[in-house]
Amino acid sequence: MPTTPQTIPAQHRADVECLWNYHNMHHEIRPVDVGIGLGSHDLGVARIATDLYHRGMYPTLVFTGANAPTTIETFPRGEAVHYREYATDHGVPAGAILIDTRATNTGQNIENTRALLAEHQIQARSVILMSRPYQQRRAYATCKKLWPDVEVICASHPLSLDDYVTSIGDTKKVMDMLVGDTQRIDKYAELGFAIPQRVPDDVRAAYNRLVDAGYTSRLV
């Protein structure tokens, strides 16, 4: 049966699921001071941010993100701008939202958010960090490096792997991103951008097999 853009190749499914499960931090959601939506190609970040606001998980919501080569076509006015538009269109008061339109990487997401909160005299002792499902671990490690005294809870739009791939509409893009984020766990810790995270042997093996299979466009 031919592989469509929304179908994970059978020979790689176990490895893709291994990486997918590794990057999910499985944090329990509870009320915090601030919600932070990290810009990306995934509108699911705005969806979960909007949902958690309506569930009373935070009074203030920050969207942070400019554009990247993978997002410029989807969000031509900038990631944070489109996220804010989604949230306000779905009932989040504009006055509850702050946006940073300059960040082009996760480190800048965190640094710019801290500066924005300080500018508005909002103290954050705890945050819910919302990202793509496979960005959770890297986002957590980056935040704890740059903002060590804040309590971090990670969240993503709750979709299964297959439903997520369907929502993005491009299997190879998702697989390449998964492989790239796995590489960054070690590399960014080595460079001092993030705290170290344990990478189990089965995750390393799955990562290596997917690299060998050519899912490498998001490697650094």
N, C-alpha and C. Protein backbone atom coordinates (compact mmCIF):
# COMPACT_ATOMS: atom_id res chain seq x y z
N MET A 1 0.86 -1.20 0.00
CA MET A 1 0.00 0.00 0.00
C MET A 1 0.89 1.25 0.00
N PRO A 2 0.68 2.20 -0.91
CA PRO A 2 1.53 3.38 -0.97
C PRO A 2 1.45 4.19 0.32
N THR A 3 2.57 4.81 0.65
CA THR A 3 2.61 5.67 1.83
C THR A 3 2.13 7.07 1.44
N THR A 4 1.14 7.60 2.15
CA THR A 4 0.67 8.96 1.91
C THR A 4 1.44 9.90 2.82
N PRO A 5 1.35 11.23 2.56
CA PRO A 5 2.06 12.19 3.42
C PRO A 5 1.62 12.14 4.88
N GLN A 6 0.45 11.52 5.17
CA GLN A 6 -0.04 11.46 6.55
C GLN A 6 0.14 10.09 7.19
N THR A 7 0.92 9.22 6.60
CA THR A 7 1.09 7.87 7.13
C THR A 7 2.54 7.63 7.54
N ILE A 8 2.74 7.20 8.77
CA ILE A 8 4.09 6.86 9.23
C ILE A 8 4.49 5.53 8.60
N PRO A 9 5.63 5.46 7.91
CA PRO A 9 6.05 4.18 7.32
C PRO A 9 6.14 3.09 8.38
N ALA A 10 5.61 1.92 8.07
CA ALA A 10 5.51 0.84 9.05
C ALA A 10 6.86 0.47 9.63
N GLN A 11 7.92 0.51 8.81
CA GLN A 11 9.24 0.09 9.29
C GLN A 11 9.84 1.08 10.29
N HIS A 12 9.26 2.28 10.37
CA HIS A 12 9.79 3.30 11.28
C HIS A 12 8.84 3.62 12.44
N ARG A 13 7.66 3.02 12.44
CA ARG A 13 6.65 3.40 13.42
C ARG A 13 7.14 3.25 14.86
N ALA A 14 7.75 2.12 15.20
CA ALA A 14 8.18 1.90 16.59
C ALA A 14 9.19 2.95 17.01
N ASP A 15 10.10 3.32 16.12
CA ASP A 15 11.11 4.32 16.46
C ASP A 15 10.48 5.70 16.61
N VAL A 16 9.55 6.04 15.75
CA VAL A 16 8.87 7.34 15.86
C VAL A 16 8.08 7.41 17.16
N GLU A 17 7.38 6.33 17.51
CA GLU A 17 6.63 6.30 18.77
C GLU A 17 7.56 6.42 19.97
N CYS A 18 8.74 5.81 19.89
CA CYS A 18 9.71 5.90 20.98
C CYS A 18 10.13 7.35 21.23
N LEU A 19 10.45 8.06 20.16
CA LEU A 19 10.85 9.47 20.32
C LEU A 19 9.66 10.32 20.77
N TRP A 20 8.51 10.07 20.21
CA TRP A 20 7.30 10.81 20.58
C TRP A 20 7.03 10.69 22.08
N ASN A 21 7.10 9.49 22.61
CA ASN A 21 6.84 9.28 24.03
C ASN A 21 7.92 9.88 24.91
N TYR A 22 9.16 9.86 24.44
CA TYR A 22 10.26 10.42 25.23
C TYR A 22 10.09 11.93 25.42
N HIS A 23 9.65 12.62 24.41
CA HIS A 23 9.59 14.08 24.49
C HIS A 23 8.37 14.58 25.26
N ASN A 24 7.39 13.74 25.51
CA ASN A 24 6.25 14.13 26.33
C ASN A 24 6.64 14.03 27.80
N MET A 25 6.57 15.15 28.52
CA MET A 25 7.00 15.18 29.92
C MET A 25 5.94 14.60 30.87
N HIS A 26 4.72 14.40 30.40
CA HIS A 26 3.65 13.79 31.19
C HIS A 26 3.42 14.54 32.51
N HIS A 27 3.45 15.87 32.44
CA HIS A 27 3.21 16.68 33.63
C HIS A 27 1.72 16.79 33.92
N GLU A 28 1.39 16.85 35.20
CA GLU A 28 0.01 17.07 35.62
C GLU A 28 -0.29 18.56 35.58
N ILE A 29 -1.37 18.92 34.90
CA ILE A 29 -1.72 20.33 34.74
C ILE A 29 -2.42 20.83 36.00
N ARG A 30 -2.00 22.00 36.47
CA ARG A 30 -2.63 22.64 37.62
C ARG A 30 -2.49 24.15 37.47
N PRO A 31 -3.23 24.95 38.24
CA PRO A 31 -3.15 26.41 38.09
C PRO A 31 -1.76 26.95 38.37
N VAL A 32 -1.36 27.94 37.56
CA VAL A 32 -0.06 28.59 37.68
C VAL A 32 -0.24 30.09 37.52
N ASP A 33 0.87 30.81 37.60
CA ASP A 33 0.80 32.27 37.48
C ASP A 33 0.64 32.74 36.04
N VAL A 34 1.35 32.08 35.10
CA VAL A 34 1.38 32.54 33.72
C VAL A 34 1.41 31.34 32.77
N GLY A 35 0.68 31.45 31.66
CA GLY A 35 0.79 30.48 30.57
C GLY A 35 1.67 31.06 29.48
N ILE A 36 2.53 30.23 28.89
CA ILE A 36 3.45 30.68 27.84
C ILE A 36 3.30 29.76 26.64
N GLY A 37 2.87 30.32 25.51
CA GLY A 37 2.74 29.55 24.28
C GLY A 37 3.92 29.82 23.37
N LEU A 38 4.69 28.78 23.08
CA LEU A 38 5.89 28.92 22.25
C LEU A 38 5.54 28.84 20.78
N GLY A 39 6.00 29.82 20.02
CA GLY A 39 5.71 29.87 18.61
C GLY A 39 6.29 28.68 17.84
N SER A 40 5.56 28.25 16.80
CA SER A 40 5.99 27.14 15.96
C SER A 40 5.06 27.09 14.76
N HIS A 41 5.16 26.01 13.97
CA HIS A 41 4.25 25.82 12.85
C HIS A 41 2.91 25.23 13.28
N ASP A 42 2.74 24.96 14.56
CA ASP A 42 1.62 24.17 15.07
C ASP A 42 0.60 25.05 15.78
N LEU A 43 -0.58 25.22 15.16
CA LEU A 43 -1.64 26.01 15.79
C LEU A 43 -2.18 25.33 17.04
N GLY A 44 -1.85 24.06 17.24
CA GLY A 44 -2.27 23.37 18.46
C GLY A 44 -1.78 24.06 19.72
N VAL A 45 -0.67 24.80 19.63
CA VAL A 45 -0.18 25.55 20.79
C VAL A 45 -1.22 26.58 21.21
N ALA A 46 -1.76 27.29 20.25
CA ALA A 46 -2.79 28.28 20.57
C ALA A 46 -4.06 27.61 21.08
N ARG A 47 -4.36 26.44 20.57
CA ARG A 47 -5.57 25.72 21.02
C ARG A 47 -5.46 25.32 22.48
N ILE A 48 -4.34 24.70 22.87
CA ILE A 48 -4.20 24.27 24.26
C ILE A 48 -4.10 25.48 25.18
N ALA A 49 -3.45 26.55 24.72
CA ALA A 49 -3.34 27.76 25.54
C ALA A 49 -4.71 28.37 25.80
N THR A 50 -5.53 28.39 24.77
CA THR A 50 -6.88 28.93 24.91
C THR A 50 -7.72 28.05 25.84
N ASP A 51 -7.63 26.75 25.65
CA ASP A 51 -8.39 25.82 26.48
C ASP A 51 -8.01 25.95 27.96
N LEU A 52 -6.72 26.00 28.23
CA LEU A 52 -6.28 26.07 29.63
C LEU A 52 -6.63 27.42 30.26
N TYR A 53 -6.64 28.48 29.46
CA TYR A 53 -7.09 29.77 30.01
C TYR A 53 -8.55 29.65 30.44
N HIS A 54 -9.39 29.09 29.59
CA HIS A 54 -10.81 28.97 29.92
C HIS A 54 -11.04 28.02 31.09
N ARG A 55 -10.12 27.12 31.32
CA ARG A 55 -10.22 26.22 32.47
C ARG A 55 -9.67 26.85 33.75
N GLY A 56 -9.24 28.10 33.67
CA GLY A 56 -8.78 28.82 34.85
C GLY A 56 -7.39 28.48 35.30
N MET A 57 -6.54 28.02 34.38
CA MET A 57 -5.20 27.59 34.77
C MET A 57 -4.22 28.74 34.94
N TYR A 58 -4.53 29.91 34.38
CA TYR A 58 -3.68 31.09 34.54
C TYR A 58 -4.47 32.34 34.17
N PRO A 59 -4.11 33.49 34.78
CA PRO A 59 -4.79 34.75 34.44
C PRO A 59 -4.12 35.50 33.30
N THR A 60 -2.86 35.19 33.04
CA THR A 60 -2.09 35.89 32.01
C THR A 60 -1.51 34.88 31.03
N LEU A 61 -1.61 35.19 29.74
CA LEU A 61 -1.12 34.31 28.69
C LEU A 61 -0.15 35.07 27.82
N VAL A 62 1.04 34.51 27.62
CA VAL A 62 2.05 35.09 26.75
C VAL A 62 2.22 34.20 25.53
N PHE A 63 2.16 34.80 24.34
CA PHE A 63 2.55 34.11 23.11
C PHE A 63 3.85 34.72 22.63
N THR A 64 4.80 33.87 22.28
CA THR A 64 6.11 34.34 21.88
C THR A 64 6.58 33.64 20.62
N GLY A 65 6.94 34.42 19.61
CA GLY A 65 7.44 33.82 18.38
C GLY A 65 7.35 34.78 17.20
N ALA A 66 8.43 34.85 16.44
CA ALA A 66 8.47 35.65 15.21
C ALA A 66 8.10 34.73 14.05
N ASN A 67 9.08 34.36 13.24
CA ASN A 67 8.90 33.42 12.15
C ASN A 67 10.16 32.61 11.96
N ALA A 68 10.01 31.45 11.35
CA ALA A 68 11.11 30.59 10.95
C ALA A 68 10.79 30.09 9.54
N PRO A 69 11.78 29.49 8.86
CA PRO A 69 11.48 28.98 7.52
C PRO A 69 10.30 28.01 7.48
N THR A 70 10.06 27.30 8.59
CA THR A 70 8.98 26.32 8.63
C THR A 70 7.63 26.95 8.98
N THR A 71 7.59 28.26 9.30
CA THR A 71 6.33 28.86 9.75
C THR A 71 5.89 30.06 8.91
N ILE A 72 6.76 30.61 8.08
CA ILE A 72 6.45 31.86 7.40
C ILE A 72 5.23 31.74 6.50
N GLU A 73 5.06 30.58 5.83
CA GLU A 73 3.91 30.43 4.94
C GLU A 73 2.62 30.23 5.74
N THR A 74 2.71 29.49 6.85
CA THR A 74 1.52 29.22 7.65
C THR A 74 1.09 30.44 8.45
N PHE A 75 2.06 31.16 9.01
CA PHE A 75 1.76 32.31 9.86
C PHE A 75 2.52 33.54 9.34
N PRO A 76 2.09 34.11 8.22
CA PRO A 76 2.86 35.19 7.59
C PRO A 76 2.99 36.44 8.45
N ARG A 77 2.07 36.68 9.37
CA ARG A 77 2.17 37.86 10.23
C ARG A 77 2.96 37.59 11.50
N GLY A 78 3.47 36.39 11.63
CA GLY A 78 4.25 36.01 12.81
C GLY A 78 3.49 35.05 13.69
N GLU A 79 4.21 34.14 14.31
CA GLU A 79 3.60 33.07 15.10
C GLU A 79 2.78 33.62 16.26
N ALA A 80 3.37 34.52 17.05
CA ALA A 80 2.66 35.04 18.22
C ALA A 80 1.41 35.82 17.82
N VAL A 81 1.48 36.54 16.71
CA VAL A 81 0.33 37.32 16.25
C VAL A 81 -0.82 36.40 15.87
N HIS A 82 -0.53 35.35 15.12
CA HIS A 82 -1.58 34.42 14.72
C HIS A 82 -2.14 33.67 15.93
N TYR A 83 -1.28 33.31 16.87
CA TYR A 83 -1.74 32.64 18.09
C TYR A 83 -2.69 33.55 18.87
N ARG A 84 -2.31 34.81 19.01
CA ARG A 84 -3.19 35.75 19.72
C ARG A 84 -4.53 35.89 19.01
N GLU A 85 -4.52 35.96 17.69
CA GLU A 85 -5.76 36.07 16.95
C GLU A 85 -6.65 34.85 17.18
N TYR A 86 -6.06 33.67 17.19
CA TYR A 86 -6.84 32.46 17.48
C TYR A 86 -7.45 32.56 18.88
N ALA A 87 -6.64 32.93 19.86
CA ALA A 87 -7.12 32.97 21.25
C ALA A 87 -8.25 33.99 21.43
N THR A 88 -8.08 35.18 20.88
CA THR A 88 -9.13 36.19 21.04
C THR A 88 -10.39 35.81 20.26
N ASP A 89 -10.22 35.17 19.10
CA ASP A 89 -11.38 34.70 18.33
C ASP A 89 -12.15 33.62 19.10
N HIS A 90 -11.46 32.97 20.05
CA HIS A 90 -12.10 31.89 20.82
C HIS A 90 -12.30 32.28 22.29
N GLY A 91 -12.47 33.58 22.52
CA GLY A 91 -12.98 34.03 23.80
C GLY A 91 -11.99 34.44 24.86
N VAL A 92 -10.68 34.43 24.57
CA VAL A 92 -9.71 34.91 25.56
C VAL A 92 -9.68 36.44 25.46
N PRO A 93 -9.88 37.16 26.56
CA PRO A 93 -9.85 38.63 26.50
C PRO A 93 -8.49 39.14 26.02
N ALA A 94 -8.50 40.10 25.14
CA ALA A 94 -7.25 40.65 24.62
C ALA A 94 -6.37 41.18 25.74
N GLY A 95 -6.99 41.70 26.79
CA GLY A 95 -6.22 42.25 27.90
C GLY A 95 -5.49 41.21 28.72
N ALA A 96 -5.83 39.93 28.53
CA ALA A 96 -5.15 38.86 29.26
C ALA A 96 -3.93 38.33 28.51
N ILE A 97 -3.69 38.85 27.29
CA ILE A 97 -2.65 38.30 26.43
C ILE A 97 -1.54 39.32 26.21
N LEU A 98 -0.29 38.87 26.39
CA LEU A 98 0.89 39.63 26.00
C LEU A 98 1.57 38.87 24.86
N ILE A 99 2.19 39.60 23.93
CA ILE A 99 2.90 38.90 22.85
C ILE A 99 4.31 39.44 22.68
N ASP A 100 5.18 38.53 22.34
CA ASP A 100 6.56 38.84 21.94
C ASP A 100 6.69 38.40 20.49
N THR A 101 6.99 39.33 19.61
CA THR A 101 7.05 39.04 18.17
C THR A 101 8.48 38.96 17.64
N ARG A 102 9.46 38.87 18.55
CA ARG A 102 10.86 38.91 18.10
C ARG A 102 11.58 37.58 18.24
N ALA A 103 11.13 36.70 19.10
CA ALA A 103 11.89 35.47 19.39
C ALA A 103 11.94 34.55 18.17
N THR A 104 13.13 34.04 17.89
CA THR A 104 13.31 33.11 16.77
C THR A 104 13.85 31.76 17.23
N ASN A 105 14.00 31.56 18.53
CA ASN A 105 14.39 30.25 19.05
C ASN A 105 13.87 30.13 20.48
N THR A 106 14.00 28.94 21.05
CA THR A 106 13.39 28.69 22.35
C THR A 106 14.05 29.51 23.45
N GLY A 107 15.36 29.69 23.37
CA GLY A 107 16.03 30.52 24.36
C GLY A 107 15.49 31.94 24.36
N GLN A 108 15.30 32.51 23.17
CA GLN A 108 14.73 33.85 23.08
C GLN A 108 13.28 33.87 23.53
N ASN A 109 12.54 32.79 23.26
CA ASN A 109 11.17 32.70 23.79
C ASN A 109 11.16 32.94 25.29
N ILE A 110 12.06 32.26 25.99
CA ILE A 110 12.08 32.35 27.46
C ILE A 110 12.60 33.71 27.91
N GLU A 111 13.70 34.16 27.35
CA GLU A 111 14.29 35.43 27.76
C GLU A 111 13.35 36.60 27.48
N ASN A 112 12.74 36.61 26.30
CA ASN A 112 11.84 37.71 25.95
C ASN A 112 10.57 37.69 26.79
N THR A 113 10.10 36.48 27.13
CA THR A 113 8.92 36.38 27.99
C THR A 113 9.22 36.94 29.37
N ARG A 114 10.36 36.60 29.92
CA ARG A 114 10.74 37.14 31.23
C ARG A 114 10.79 38.66 31.20
N ALA A 115 11.38 39.20 30.16
CA ALA A 115 11.48 40.66 30.04
C ALA A 115 10.09 41.30 29.89
N LEU A 116 9.22 40.66 29.13
CA LEU A 116 7.88 41.18 28.92
C LEU A 116 7.08 41.18 30.22
N LEU A 117 7.20 40.09 30.98
CA LEU A 117 6.51 40.02 32.26
C LEU A 117 7.03 41.07 33.23
N ALA A 118 8.35 41.26 33.25
CA ALA A 118 8.94 42.28 34.13
C ALA A 118 8.45 43.68 33.73
N GLU A 119 8.37 43.91 32.43
CA GLU A 119 7.90 45.21 31.94
C GLU A 119 6.48 45.50 32.41
N HIS A 120 5.67 44.47 32.50
CA HIS A 120 4.27 44.63 32.94
C HIS A 120 4.09 44.34 34.43
N GLN A 121 5.21 44.20 35.13
CA GLN A 121 5.22 43.99 36.58
C GLN A 121 4.37 42.78 36.99
N ILE A 122 4.52 41.71 36.22
CA ILE A 122 3.84 40.45 36.52
C ILE A 122 4.86 39.46 37.05
N GLN A 123 4.64 38.99 38.26
CA GLN A 123 5.55 38.03 38.87
C GLN A 123 5.10 36.61 38.53
N ALA A 124 6.04 35.82 38.07
CA ALA A 124 5.73 34.43 37.72
C ALA A 124 6.61 33.49 38.53
N ARG A 125 6.00 32.81 39.48
CA ARG A 125 6.71 31.78 40.23
C ARG A 125 6.49 30.40 39.61
N SER A 126 5.42 30.29 38.81
CA SER A 126 5.10 29.02 38.15
C SER A 126 4.51 29.33 36.78
N VAL A 127 4.82 28.47 35.80
CA VAL A 127 4.33 28.68 34.44
C VAL A 127 3.91 27.34 33.83
N ILE A 128 2.96 27.41 32.92
CA ILE A 128 2.69 26.28 32.02
C ILE A 128 3.30 26.65 30.67
N LEU A 129 4.24 25.84 30.23
CA LEU A 129 4.96 26.05 28.99
C LEU A 129 4.31 25.19 27.91
N MET A 130 3.72 25.84 26.92
CA MET A 130 2.96 25.09 25.91
C MET A 130 3.69 25.10 24.58
N SER A 131 3.81 23.92 23.99
CA SER A 131 4.63 23.75 22.80
C SER A 131 4.06 22.62 21.94
N ARG A 132 4.72 22.36 20.81
CA ARG A 132 4.45 21.13 20.06
C ARG A 132 4.69 19.94 20.99
N PRO A 133 4.01 18.82 20.78
CA PRO A 133 4.19 17.68 21.69
C PRO A 133 5.64 17.23 21.81
N TYR A 134 6.37 17.22 20.70
CA TYR A 134 7.75 16.72 20.73
C TYR A 134 8.76 17.80 21.08
N GLN A 135 8.29 18.98 21.45
CA GLN A 135 9.19 20.05 21.91
C GLN A 135 9.19 20.16 23.43
N GLN A 136 8.34 19.41 24.10
CA GLN A 136 8.18 19.59 25.54
C GLN A 136 9.50 19.45 26.30
N ARG A 137 10.22 18.39 26.06
CA ARG A 137 11.43 18.12 26.85
C ARG A 137 12.49 19.19 26.60
N ARG A 138 12.67 19.56 25.35
CA ARG A 138 13.67 20.59 25.05
C ARG A 138 13.26 21.94 25.62
N ALA A 139 11.97 22.26 25.53
CA ALA A 139 11.49 23.51 26.09
C ALA A 139 11.70 23.55 27.60
N TYR A 140 11.39 22.44 28.25
CA TYR A 140 11.59 22.35 29.71
C TYR A 140 13.06 22.56 30.06
N ALA A 141 13.95 21.86 29.35
CA ALA A 141 15.38 21.95 29.66
C ALA A 141 15.91 23.35 29.42
N THR A 142 15.41 24.01 28.38
CA THR A 142 15.84 25.37 28.09
C THR A 142 15.34 26.34 29.15
N CYS A 143 14.08 26.20 29.52
CA CYS A 143 13.51 27.09 30.53
C CYS A 143 14.22 26.96 31.86
N LYS A 144 14.50 25.72 32.29
CA LYS A 144 15.17 25.53 33.57
C LYS A 144 16.61 26.05 33.56
N LYS A 145 17.23 26.10 32.40
CA LYS A 145 18.57 26.68 32.30
C LYS A 145 18.53 28.20 32.44
N LEU A 146 17.58 28.83 31.76
CA LEU A 146 17.52 30.28 31.70
C LEU A 146 16.69 30.91 32.81
N TRP A 147 15.84 30.10 33.43
CA TRP A 147 14.91 30.61 34.46
C TRP A 147 14.82 29.56 35.56
N PRO A 148 15.91 29.29 36.25
CA PRO A 148 15.99 28.12 37.12
C PRO A 148 15.05 28.15 38.32
N ASP A 149 14.62 29.34 38.74
CA ASP A 149 13.81 29.42 39.96
C ASP A 149 12.31 29.30 39.69
N VAL A 150 11.89 29.18 38.42
CA VAL A 150 10.47 29.08 38.14
C VAL A 150 10.06 27.62 38.09
N GLU A 151 8.86 27.31 38.56
CA GLU A 151 8.30 25.97 38.42
C GLU A 151 7.71 25.83 37.03
N VAL A 152 8.11 24.80 36.31
CA VAL A 152 7.70 24.63 34.91
C VAL A 152 6.83 23.39 34.75
N ILE A 153 5.64 23.58 34.20
CA ILE A 153 4.76 22.48 33.80
C ILE A 153 4.64 22.54 32.29
N CYS A 154 4.84 21.43 31.61
CA CYS A 154 4.76 21.39 30.15
C CYS A 154 3.41 20.84 29.71
N ALA A 155 2.91 21.39 28.60
CA ALA A 155 1.63 20.94 28.06
C ALA A 155 1.64 21.11 26.55
N SER A 156 0.82 20.29 25.89
CA SER A 156 0.62 20.37 24.44
C SER A 156 -0.82 20.02 24.13
N HIS A 157 -1.26 20.38 22.94
CA HIS A 157 -2.60 19.98 22.50
C HIS A 157 -2.68 18.46 22.52
N PRO A 158 -3.65 17.88 23.23
CA PRO A 158 -3.66 16.44 23.46
C PRO A 158 -4.14 15.64 22.24
N LEU A 159 -3.18 15.25 21.40
CA LEU A 159 -3.47 14.43 20.23
C LEU A 159 -2.59 13.19 20.27
N SER A 160 -3.11 12.09 19.74
CA SER A 160 -2.28 10.92 19.54
C SER A 160 -1.26 11.21 18.45
N LEU A 161 -0.24 10.37 18.34
CA LEU A 161 0.76 10.55 17.30
C LEU A 161 0.12 10.59 15.92
N ASP A 162 -0.75 9.64 15.61
CA ASP A 162 -1.37 9.60 14.29
C ASP A 162 -2.24 10.82 14.05
N ASP A 163 -3.01 11.22 15.05
CA ASP A 163 -3.84 12.41 14.88
C ASP A 163 -2.99 13.66 14.71
N TYR A 164 -1.85 13.70 15.41
CA TYR A 164 -0.97 14.85 15.26
C TYR A 164 -0.41 14.92 13.84
N VAL A 165 0.06 13.80 13.34
CA VAL A 165 0.60 13.77 11.98
C VAL A 165 -0.47 14.21 10.98
N THR A 166 -1.69 13.74 11.16
CA THR A 166 -2.79 14.14 10.28
C THR A 166 -3.04 15.64 10.38
N SER A 167 -2.98 16.19 11.59
CA SER A 167 -3.24 17.62 11.77
C SER A 167 -2.19 18.48 11.08
N ILE A 168 -0.94 18.01 11.05
CA ILE A 168 0.13 18.75 10.38
C ILE A 168 0.09 18.51 8.87
N GLY A 169 -0.25 17.28 8.48
CA GLY A 169 -0.43 16.98 7.07
C GLY A 169 0.84 16.62 6.34
N ASP A 170 1.92 16.35 7.07
CA ASP A 170 3.19 16.03 6.41
C ASP A 170 3.98 15.13 7.35
N THR A 171 3.98 13.84 7.08
CA THR A 171 4.65 12.88 7.96
C THR A 171 6.14 13.14 8.06
N LYS A 172 6.78 13.36 6.91
CA LYS A 172 8.24 13.54 6.93
C LYS A 172 8.63 14.77 7.75
N LYS A 173 7.86 15.83 7.65
CA LYS A 173 8.15 17.03 8.43
C LYS A 173 8.12 16.71 9.92
N VAL A 174 7.09 15.98 10.35
CA VAL A 174 6.99 15.63 11.77
C VAL A 174 8.14 14.72 12.18
N MET A 175 8.47 13.74 11.36
CA MET A 175 9.56 12.82 11.69
C MET A 175 10.89 13.55 11.73
N ASP A 176 11.13 14.44 10.78
CA ASP A 176 12.36 15.23 10.78
C ASP A 176 12.45 16.10 12.04
N MET A 177 11.32 16.70 12.42
CA MET A 177 11.31 17.54 13.62
C MET A 177 11.58 16.72 14.87
N LEU A 178 10.98 15.54 14.96
CA LEU A 178 11.23 14.65 16.10
C LEU A 178 12.70 14.31 16.22
N VAL A 179 13.31 13.95 15.10
CA VAL A 179 14.73 13.62 15.10
C VAL A 179 15.56 14.84 15.49
N GLY A 180 15.23 16.00 14.94
CA GLY A 180 15.98 17.21 15.27
C GLY A 180 15.89 17.59 16.73
N ASP A 181 14.69 17.47 17.31
CA ASP A 181 14.55 17.81 18.73
C ASP A 181 15.28 16.82 19.61
N THR A 182 15.36 15.57 19.20
CA THR A 182 16.11 14.58 19.98
C THR A 182 17.60 14.90 19.97
N GLN A 183 18.13 15.26 18.82
CA GLN A 183 19.54 15.65 18.75
C GLN A 183 19.82 16.84 19.66
N ARG A 184 18.88 17.78 19.72
CA ARG A 184 19.11 19.01 20.49
C ARG A 184 19.15 18.78 22.00
N ILE A 185 18.59 17.68 22.47
CA ILE A 185 18.64 17.40 23.91
C ILE A 185 20.09 17.35 24.38
N ASP A 186 20.92 16.59 23.70
CA ASP A 186 22.34 16.52 24.05
C ASP A 186 23.09 17.77 23.62
N LYS A 187 22.89 18.17 22.37
CA LYS A 187 23.71 19.24 21.80
C LYS A 187 23.52 20.55 22.54
N TYR A 188 22.27 20.90 22.85
CA TYR A 188 22.04 22.17 23.51
C TYR A 188 22.53 22.17 24.96
N ALA A 189 22.50 21.01 25.60
CA ALA A 189 23.09 20.92 26.94
C ALA A 189 24.60 21.12 26.85
N GLU A 190 25.24 20.50 25.86
CA GLU A 190 26.69 20.66 25.67
C GLU A 190 27.07 22.11 25.41
N LEU A 191 26.21 22.83 24.68
CA LEU A 191 26.49 24.22 24.34
C LEU A 191 26.11 25.19 25.46
N GLY A 192 25.48 24.68 26.52
CA GLY A 192 25.08 25.53 27.63
C GLY A 192 23.75 26.22 27.45
N PHE A 193 22.96 25.77 26.44
CA PHE A 193 21.66 26.38 26.19
C PHE A 193 20.56 25.76 27.04
N ALA A 194 20.80 24.59 27.61
CA ALA A 194 19.75 23.85 28.32
C ALA A 194 20.39 22.98 29.39
N ILE A 195 19.56 22.57 30.38
CA ILE A 195 20.08 21.63 31.37
C ILE A 195 20.14 20.23 30.74
N PRO A 196 21.03 19.37 31.22
CA PRO A 196 21.11 18.01 30.67
C PRO A 196 19.84 17.22 30.98
N GLN A 197 19.47 16.34 30.06
CA GLN A 197 18.35 15.43 30.23
C GLN A 197 18.84 14.01 29.92
N ARG A 198 18.39 13.04 30.69
CA ARG A 198 18.78 11.66 30.42
C ARG A 198 18.14 11.18 29.12
N VAL A 199 18.93 10.54 28.28
CA VAL A 199 18.43 9.97 27.03
C VAL A 199 18.60 8.45 27.13
N PRO A 200 17.53 7.70 27.33
CA PRO A 200 17.63 6.24 27.47
C PRO A 200 18.21 5.59 26.21
N ASP A 201 18.77 4.40 26.40
CA ASP A 201 19.41 3.69 25.29
C ASP A 201 18.44 3.43 24.14
N ASP A 202 17.19 3.09 24.46
CA ASP A 202 16.25 2.79 23.38
C ASP A 202 15.92 4.03 22.56
N VAL A 203 15.94 5.21 23.21
CA VAL A 203 15.70 6.46 22.50
C VAL A 203 16.88 6.77 21.58
N ARG A 204 18.10 6.57 22.09
CA ARG A 204 19.28 6.80 21.24
C ARG A 204 19.28 5.87 20.03
N ALA A 205 18.91 4.63 20.25
CA ALA A 205 18.90 3.67 19.15
C ALA A 205 17.84 4.05 18.11
N ALA A 206 16.67 4.44 18.56
CA ALA A 206 15.61 4.85 17.63
C ALA A 206 16.04 6.09 16.85
N TYR A 207 16.64 7.03 17.54
CA TYR A 207 17.14 8.24 16.89
C TYR A 207 18.17 7.89 15.80
N ASN A 208 19.11 7.04 16.13
CA ASN A 208 20.15 6.68 15.16
C ASN A 208 19.58 5.98 13.93
N ARG A 209 18.60 5.12 14.15
CA ARG A 209 17.99 4.44 13.00
C ARG A 209 17.26 5.42 12.09
N LEU A 210 16.58 6.40 12.67
CA LEU A 210 15.87 7.38 11.85
C LEU A 210 16.84 8.31 11.13
N VAL A 211 17.95 8.64 11.77
CA VAL A 211 19.00 9.41 11.07
C VAL A 211 19.52 8.61 9.88
N ASP A 212 19.82 7.34 10.10
CA ASP A 212 20.33 6.48 9.03
C ASP A 212 19.31 6.35 7.89
N ALA A 213 18.02 6.46 8.24
CA ALA A 213 16.97 6.35 7.24
C ALA A 213 16.75 7.65 6.47
N GLY A 214 17.45 8.72 6.88
CA GLY A 214 17.40 9.96 6.12
C GLY A 214 16.50 11.06 6.65
N TYR A 215 16.02 10.92 7.88
CA TYR A 215 15.14 11.95 8.46
C TYR A 215 16.01 13.00 9.16
N THR A 216 16.70 13.79 8.36
CA THR A 216 17.80 14.62 8.88
C THR A 216 17.69 16.10 8.57
N SER A 217 16.60 16.54 7.99
CA SER A 217 16.56 17.93 7.54
C SER A 217 16.55 18.93 8.69
N ARG A 218 16.21 18.50 9.92
CA ARG A 218 16.17 19.42 11.05
C ARG A 218 17.34 19.21 12.01
N LEU A 219 18.36 18.48 11.58
CA LEU A 219 19.55 18.36 12.41
C LEU A 219 20.35 19.66 12.35
N VAL A 220 21.09 19.93 13.43
CA VAL A 220 21.93 21.14 13.46
C VAL A 220 23.39 20.74 13.36
